[in-house]
PDB file of N, CA and C in Angstrom:
ATOM      1  N   MET A   1      39.572 149.203 116.403  1.00  0.00           N
ATOM      2  CA  MET A   1      38.606 148.984 115.357  1.00  0.00           C
ATOM      3  C   MET A   1      37.934 147.636 115.603  1.00  0.00           C
ATOM      4  N   LYS A   2      36.617 147.623 115.534  1.00  0.00           N
ATOM      5  CA  LYS A   2      35.876 146.384 115.739  1.00  0.00           C
ATOM      6  C   LYS A   2      36.017 145.473 114.531  1.00  0.00           C
ATOM      7  N   ALA A   3      35.722 144.207 114.742  1.00  0.00           N
ATOM      8  CA  ALA A   3      35.863 143.216 113.674  1.00  0.00           C
ATOM      9  C   ALA A   3      34.949 143.540 112.497  1.00  0.00           C
ATOM     10  N   ARG A   4      33.736 143.995 112.767  1.00  0.00           N
ATOM     11  CA  ARG A   4      32.803 144.326 111.682  1.00  0.00           C
ATOM     12  C   ARG A   4      33.331 145.489 110.842  1.00  0.00           C
ATOM     13  N   GLU A   5      33.898 146.496 111.517  1.00  0.00           N
ATOM     14  CA  GLU A   5      34.474 147.626 110.789  1.00  0.00           C
ATOM     15  C   GLU A   5      35.687 147.185 109.978  1.00  0.00           C
ATOM     16  N   LEU A   6      36.479 146.291 110.535  1.00  0.00           N
ATOM     17  CA  LEU A   6      37.651 145.788 109.833  1.00  0.00           C
ATOM     18  C   LEU A   6      37.241 144.980 108.602  1.00  0.00           C
ATOM     19  N   LEU A   7      36.209 144.165 108.738  1.00  0.00           N
ATOM     20  CA  LEU A   7      35.727 143.397 107.590  1.00  0.00           C
ATOM     21  C   LEU A   7      35.143 144.308 106.511  1.00  0.00           C
ATOM     22  N   THR A   8      34.444 145.348 106.921  1.00  0.00           N
ATOM     23  CA  THR A   8      33.899 146.306 105.955  1.00  0.00           C
ATOM     24  C   THR A   8      35.020 147.022 105.226  1.00  0.00           C
ATOM     25  N   ALA A   9      36.031 147.456 105.968  1.00  0.00           N
ATOM     26  CA  ALA A   9      37.174 148.122 105.343  1.00  0.00           C
ATOM     27  C   ALA A   9      37.913 147.154 104.408  1.00  0.00           C
ATOM     28  N   GLY A  10      38.030 145.901 104.808  1.00  0.00           N
ATOM     29  CA  GLY A  10      38.672 144.906 103.948  1.00  0.00           C
ATOM     30  C   GLY A  10      37.892 144.668 102.676  1.00  0.00           C
ATOM     31  N   PHE A  11      36.564 144.608 102.775  1.00  0.00           N
ATOM     32  CA  PHE A  11      35.727 144.428 101.596  1.00  0.00           C
ATOM     33  C   PHE A  11      35.884 145.600 100.631  1.00  0.00           C
ATOM     34  N   VAL A  12      35.874 146.813 101.175  1.00  0.00           N
ATOM     35  CA  VAL A  12      36.034 147.993 100.325  1.00  0.00           C
ATOM     36  C   VAL A  12      37.412 147.984  99.660  1.00  0.00           C
ATOM     37  N   LEU A  13      38.447 147.599 100.408  1.00  0.00           N
ATOM     38  CA  LEU A  13      39.787 147.540  99.849  1.00  0.00           C
ATOM     39  C   LEU A  13      39.876 146.526  98.720  1.00  0.00           C
ATOM     40  N   VAL A  14      39.329 145.337  98.929  1.00  0.00           N
ATOM     41  CA  VAL A  14      39.372 144.297  97.898  1.00  0.00           C
ATOM     42  C   VAL A  14      38.539 144.710  96.689  1.00  0.00           C
ATOM     43  N   ALA A  15      37.371 145.273  96.922  1.00  0.00           N
ATOM     44  CA  ALA A  15      36.533 145.720  95.806  1.00  0.00           C
ATOM     45  C   ALA A  15      37.256 146.797  95.005  1.00  0.00           C
ATOM     46  N   THR A  16      37.985 147.663  95.695  1.00  0.00           N
ATOM     47  CA  THR A  16      38.740 148.707  95.011  1.00  0.00           C
ATOM     48  C   THR A  16      39.888 148.113  94.206  1.00  0.00           C
ATOM     49  N   LEU A  17      40.555 147.102  94.751  1.00  0.00           N
ATOM     50  CA  LEU A  17      41.695 146.502  94.055  1.00  0.00           C
ATOM     51  C   LEU A  17      41.278 145.662  92.848  1.00  0.00           C
ATOM     52  N   LEU A  18      40.014 145.262  92.783  1.00  0.00           N
ATOM     53  CA  LEU A  18      39.567 144.392  91.694  1.00  0.00           C
ATOM     54  C   LEU A  18      38.689 145.100  90.657  1.00  0.00           C
ATOM     55  N   VAL A  19      38.664 146.425  90.641  1.00  0.00           N
ATOM     56  CA  VAL A  19      37.929 147.138  89.594  1.00  0.00           C
ATOM     57  C   VAL A  19      38.786 147.191  88.336  1.00  0.00           C
ATOM     58  N   TRP A  20      38.138 147.363  87.187  1.00  0.00           N
ATOM     59  CA  TRP A  20      38.843 147.244  85.925  1.00  0.00           C
ATOM     60  C   TRP A  20      40.021 148.213  85.756  1.00  0.00           C
ATOM     61  N   PRO A  21      39.932 149.486  86.107  1.00  0.00           N
ATOM     62  CA  PRO A  21      41.106 150.346  85.871  1.00  0.00           C
ATOM     63  C   PRO A  21      42.371 149.849  86.577  1.00  0.00           C
ATOM     64  N   LEU A  22      42.225 149.324  87.778  1.00  0.00           N
ATOM     65  CA  LEU A  22      43.406 148.816  88.478  1.00  0.00           C
ATOM     66  C   LEU A  22      43.833 147.452  87.938  1.00  0.00           C
ATOM     67  N   LEU A  23      42.908 146.657  87.431  1.00  0.00           N
ATOM     68  CA  LEU A  23      43.277 145.381  86.816  1.00  0.00           C
ATOM     69  C   LEU A  23      43.963 145.595  85.468  1.00  0.00           C
ATOM     70  N   GLY A  24      43.724 146.732  84.863  1.00  0.00           N
ATOM     71  CA  GLY A  24      44.357 147.029  83.580  1.00  0.00           C
ATOM     72  C   GLY A  24      45.839 147.341  83.710  1.00  0.00           C
ATOM     73  N   ILE A  25      46.269 147.755  84.885  1.00  0.00           N
ATOM     74  CA  ILE A  25      47.685 148.082  85.077  1.00  0.00           C
ATOM     75  C   ILE A  25      48.571 146.842  84.957  1.00  0.00           C
ATOM     76  N   PRO A  26      48.297 145.751  85.681  1.00  0.00           N
ATOM     77  CA  PRO A  26      49.163 144.584  85.523  1.00  0.00           C
ATOM     78  C   PRO A  26      48.798 143.701  84.327  1.00  0.00           C
ATOM     79  N   ASN A  27      47.752 144.053  83.597  1.00  0.00           N
ATOM     80  CA  ASN A  27      47.329 143.240  82.445  1.00  0.00           C
ATOM     81  C   ASN A  27      48.180 143.595  81.223  1.00  0.00           C
ATOM     82  N   ARG A  28      49.441 143.238  81.307  1.00  0.00           N
ATOM     83  CA  ARG A  28      50.409 143.494  80.242  1.00  0.00           C
ATOM     84  C   ARG A  28      51.155 142.194  79.945  1.00  0.00           C
ATOM     85  N   PRO A  29      51.703 142.070  78.769  1.00  0.00           N
ATOM     86  CA  PRO A  29      52.489 140.860  78.465  1.00  0.00           C
ATOM     87  C   PRO A  29      53.881 140.920  79.107  1.00  0.00           C
ATOM     88  N   VAL A  30      53.910 141.011  80.427  1.00  0.00           N
ATOM     89  CA  VAL A  30      55.167 141.108  81.178  1.00  0.00           C
ATOM     90  C   VAL A  30      55.238 139.925  82.129  1.00  0.00           C
ATOM     91  N   LEU A  31      56.408 139.322  82.217  1.00  0.00           N
ATOM     92  CA  LEU A  31      56.624 138.231  83.159  1.00  0.00           C
ATOM     93  C   LEU A  31      57.467 138.732  84.324  1.00  0.00           C
ATOM     94  N   VAL A  32      57.023 138.410  85.528  1.00  0.00           N
ATOM     95  CA  VAL A  32      57.782 138.723  86.735  1.00  0.00           C
ATOM     96  C   VAL A  32      58.196 137.386  87.333  1.00  0.00           C
ATOM     97  N   ALA A  33      59.486 137.086  87.252  1.00  0.00           N
ATOM     98  CA  ALA A  33      60.020 135.802  87.711  1.00  0.00           C
ATOM     99  C   ALA A  33      59.319 134.634  87.008  1.00  0.00           C
ATOM    100  N   GLY A  34      58.989 134.812  85.732  1.00  0.00           N
ATOM    101  CA  GLY A  34      58.364 133.759  84.953  1.00  0.00           C
ATOM    102  C   GLY A  34      56.863 133.646  85.115  1.00  0.00           C
ATOM    103  N   VAL A  35      56.258 134.551  85.887  1.00  0.00           N
ATOM    104  CA  VAL A  35      54.810 134.523  86.138  1.00  0.00           C
ATOM    105  C   VAL A  35      54.205 135.782  85.515  1.00  0.00           C
ATOM    106  N   PRO A  36      53.078 135.649  84.800  1.00  0.00           N
ATOM    107  CA  PRO A  36      52.428 136.844  84.253  1.00  0.00           C
ATOM    108  C   PRO A  36      52.058 137.836  85.366  1.00  0.00           C
ATOM    109  N   ALA A  37      52.215 139.111  85.071  1.00  0.00           N
ATOM    110  CA  ALA A  37      51.999 140.148  86.075  1.00  0.00           C
ATOM    111  C   ALA A  37      50.563 140.132  86.613  1.00  0.00           C
ATOM    112  N   LEU A  38      49.584 139.868  85.749  1.00  0.00           N
ATOM    113  CA  LEU A  38      48.189 139.842  86.199  1.00  0.00           C
ATOM    114  C   LEU A  38      47.949 138.713  87.188  1.00  0.00           C
ATOM    115  N   ALA A  39      48.493 137.544  86.916  1.00  0.00           N
ATOM    116  CA  ALA A  39      48.332 136.415  87.838  1.00  0.00           C
ATOM    117  C   ALA A  39      49.004 136.723  89.175  1.00  0.00           C
ATOM    118  N   LEU A  40      50.168 137.328  89.129  1.00  0.00           N
ATOM    119  CA  LEU A  40      50.864 137.692  90.356  1.00  0.00           C
ATOM    120  C   LEU A  40      50.055 138.716  91.160  1.00  0.00           C
ATOM    121  N   TYR A  41      49.473 139.687  90.478  1.00  0.00           N
ATOM    122  CA  TYR A  41      48.637 140.698  91.135  1.00  0.00           C
ATOM    123  C   TYR A  41      47.406 140.054  91.788  1.00  0.00           C
ATOM    124  N   LEU A  42      46.739 139.148  91.063  1.00  0.00           N
ATOM    125  CA  LEU A  42      45.545 138.503  91.611  1.00  0.00           C
ATOM    126  C   LEU A  42      45.884 137.629  92.815  1.00  0.00           C
ATOM    127  N   PHE A  43      47.002 136.917  92.771  1.00  0.00           N
ATOM    128  CA  PHE A  43      47.407 136.117  93.925  1.00  0.00           C
ATOM    129  C   PHE A  43      47.786 137.002  95.105  1.00  0.00           C
ATOM    130  N   ALA A  44      48.369 138.159  94.855  1.00  0.00           N
ATOM    131  CA  ALA A  44      48.702 139.086  95.935  1.00  0.00           C
ATOM    132  C   ALA A  44      47.428 139.629  96.590  1.00  0.00           C
ATOM    133  N   VAL A  45      46.422 139.965  95.782  1.00  0.00           N
ATOM    134  CA  VAL A  45      45.141 140.432  96.332  1.00  0.00           C
ATOM    135  C   VAL A  45      44.474 139.312  97.118  1.00  0.00           C
ATOM    136  N   TRP A  46      44.523 138.099  96.620  1.00  0.00           N
ATOM    137  CA  TRP A  46      43.961 136.940  97.314  1.00  0.00           C
ATOM    138  C   TRP A  46      44.639 136.736  98.665  1.00  0.00           C
ATOM    139  N   ALA A  47      45.958 136.838  98.699  1.00  0.00           N
ATOM    140  CA  ALA A  47      46.696 136.703  99.963  1.00  0.00           C
ATOM    141  C   ALA A  47      46.333 137.826 100.926  1.00  0.00           C
ATOM    142  N   LEU A  48      46.130 139.023 100.402  1.00  0.00           N
ATOM    143  CA  LEU A  48      45.716 140.147 101.247  1.00  0.00           C
ATOM    144  C   LEU A  48      44.338 139.901 101.855  1.00  0.00           C
ATOM    145  N   VAL A  49      43.419 139.344 101.070  1.00  0.00           N
ATOM    146  CA  VAL A  49      42.080 139.025 101.582  1.00  0.00           C
ATOM    147  C   VAL A  49      42.185 138.021 102.733  1.00  0.00           C
ATOM    148  N   ILE A  50      42.981 136.989 102.545  1.00  0.00           N
ATOM    149  CA  ILE A  50      43.136 135.976 103.590  1.00  0.00           C
ATOM    150  C   ILE A  50      43.764 136.584 104.836  1.00  0.00           C
ATOM    151  N   ALA A  51      44.749 137.446 104.669  1.00  0.00           N
ATOM    152  CA  ALA A  51      45.401 138.080 105.820  1.00  0.00           C
ATOM    153  C   ALA A  51      44.432 138.975 106.587  1.00  0.00           C
ATOM    154  N   VAL A  52      43.619 139.746 105.872  1.00  0.00           N
ATOM    155  CA  VAL A  52      42.648 140.625 106.541  1.00  0.00           C
ATOM    156  C   VAL A  52      41.588 139.808 107.265  1.00  0.00           C
ATOM    157  N   LEU A  53      41.110 138.738 106.642  1.00  0.00           N
ATOM    158  CA  LEU A  53      40.107 137.891 107.300  1.00  0.00           C
ATOM    159  C   LEU A  53      40.679 137.201 108.536  1.00  0.00           C
ATOM    160  N   ALA A  54      41.916 136.733 108.452  1.00  0.00           N
ATOM    161  CA  ALA A  54      42.547 136.095 109.611  1.00  0.00           C
ATOM    162  C   ALA A  54      42.745 137.099 110.735  1.00  0.00           C
ATOM    163  N   TRP A  55      43.178 138.300 110.378  1.00  0.00           N
ATOM    164  CA  TRP A  55      43.382 139.332 111.401  1.00  0.00           C
ATOM    165  C   TRP A  55      42.050 139.709 112.046  1.00  0.00           C
ATOM    166  N   ALA A  56      40.991 139.822 111.251  1.00  0.00           N
ATOM    167  CA  ALA A  56      39.669 140.156 111.794  1.00  0.00           C
ATOM    168  C   ALA A  56      39.163 139.034 112.685  1.00  0.00           C
ATOM    169  N   ALA A  57      39.433 137.786 112.314  1.00  0.00           N
ATOM    170  CA  ALA A  57      38.993 136.659 113.134  1.00  0.00           C
ATOM    171  C   ALA A  57      39.721 136.640 114.467  1.00  0.00           C
ATOM    172  N   LEU A  58      40.995 136.943 114.471  1.00  0.00           N
ATOM    173  CA  LEU A  58      41.756 136.970 115.715  1.00  0.00           C
ATOM    174  C   LEU A  58      41.337 138.124 116.603  1.00  0.00           C
ATOM    175  N   ARG A  59      41.103 139.280 116.002  1.00  0.00           N
ATOM    176  CA  ARG A  59      40.672 140.452 116.783  1.00  0.00           C
ATOM    177  C   ARG A  59      39.246 140.301 117.273  1.00  0.00           C
ATOM    178  N   GLY A  60      38.394 139.650 116.489  1.00  0.00           N
ATOM    179  CA  GLY A  60      36.980 139.515 116.831  1.00  0.00           C
ATOM    180  C   GLY A  60      36.710 138.419 117.837  1.00  0.00           C
ATOM    181  N   SER A  61      37.685 137.562 118.108  1.00  0.00           N
ATOM    182  CA  SER A  61      37.440 136.442 119.032  1.00  0.00           C
ATOM    183  C   SER A  61      37.294 136.911 120.466  1.00  0.00           C
ATOM    184  N   GLY A  62      37.811 138.080 120.815  1.00  0.00           N
ATOM    185  CA  GLY A  62      37.728 138.559 122.185  1.00  0.00           C
ATOM    186  C   GLY A  62      36.553 139.486 122.449  1.00  0.00           C
ATOM    187  N   ASP A  63      35.762 139.808 121.410  1.00  0.00           N
ATOM    188  CA  ASP A  63      34.623 140.707 121.586  1.00  0.00           C
ATOM    189  C   ASP A  63      33.475 139.989 122.303  1.00  0.00           C
ATOM    190  N   ASP A  64      32.920 140.643 123.321  1.00  0.00           N
ATOM    191  CA  ASP A  64      31.775 140.076 124.026  1.00  0.00           C
ATOM    192  C   ASP A  64      30.470 140.662 123.535  1.00  0.00           C
ATOM    193  N   GLY A  65      30.506 141.932 123.141  1.00  0.00           N
ATOM    194  CA  GLY A  65      29.271 142.606 122.746  1.00  0.00           C
ATOM    195  C   GLY A  65      29.078 142.633 121.264  1.00  0.00           C
ATOM    196  N   PRO A  66      27.908 143.126 120.814  1.00  0.00           N
ATOM    197  CA  PRO A  66      27.608 143.177 119.376  1.00  0.00           C
ATOM    198  C   PRO A  66      28.358 144.253 118.660  1.00  0.00           C
TER     199      PRO A  66
END
């Protein structure tokens, strides 16, 4: 998979994870290890974004063509 395709797939994944119906699932008055579930979910999505971007940057560094 090319870096551009990976970034597009990552964008679609993040956009899907941040729509309201999925944000409503962890938006409960529940604490997980003392942290609100929504905050934990948002930090997990943020970490996933960083991981996908880092992976795309590493894979895209060897591409010569467009």
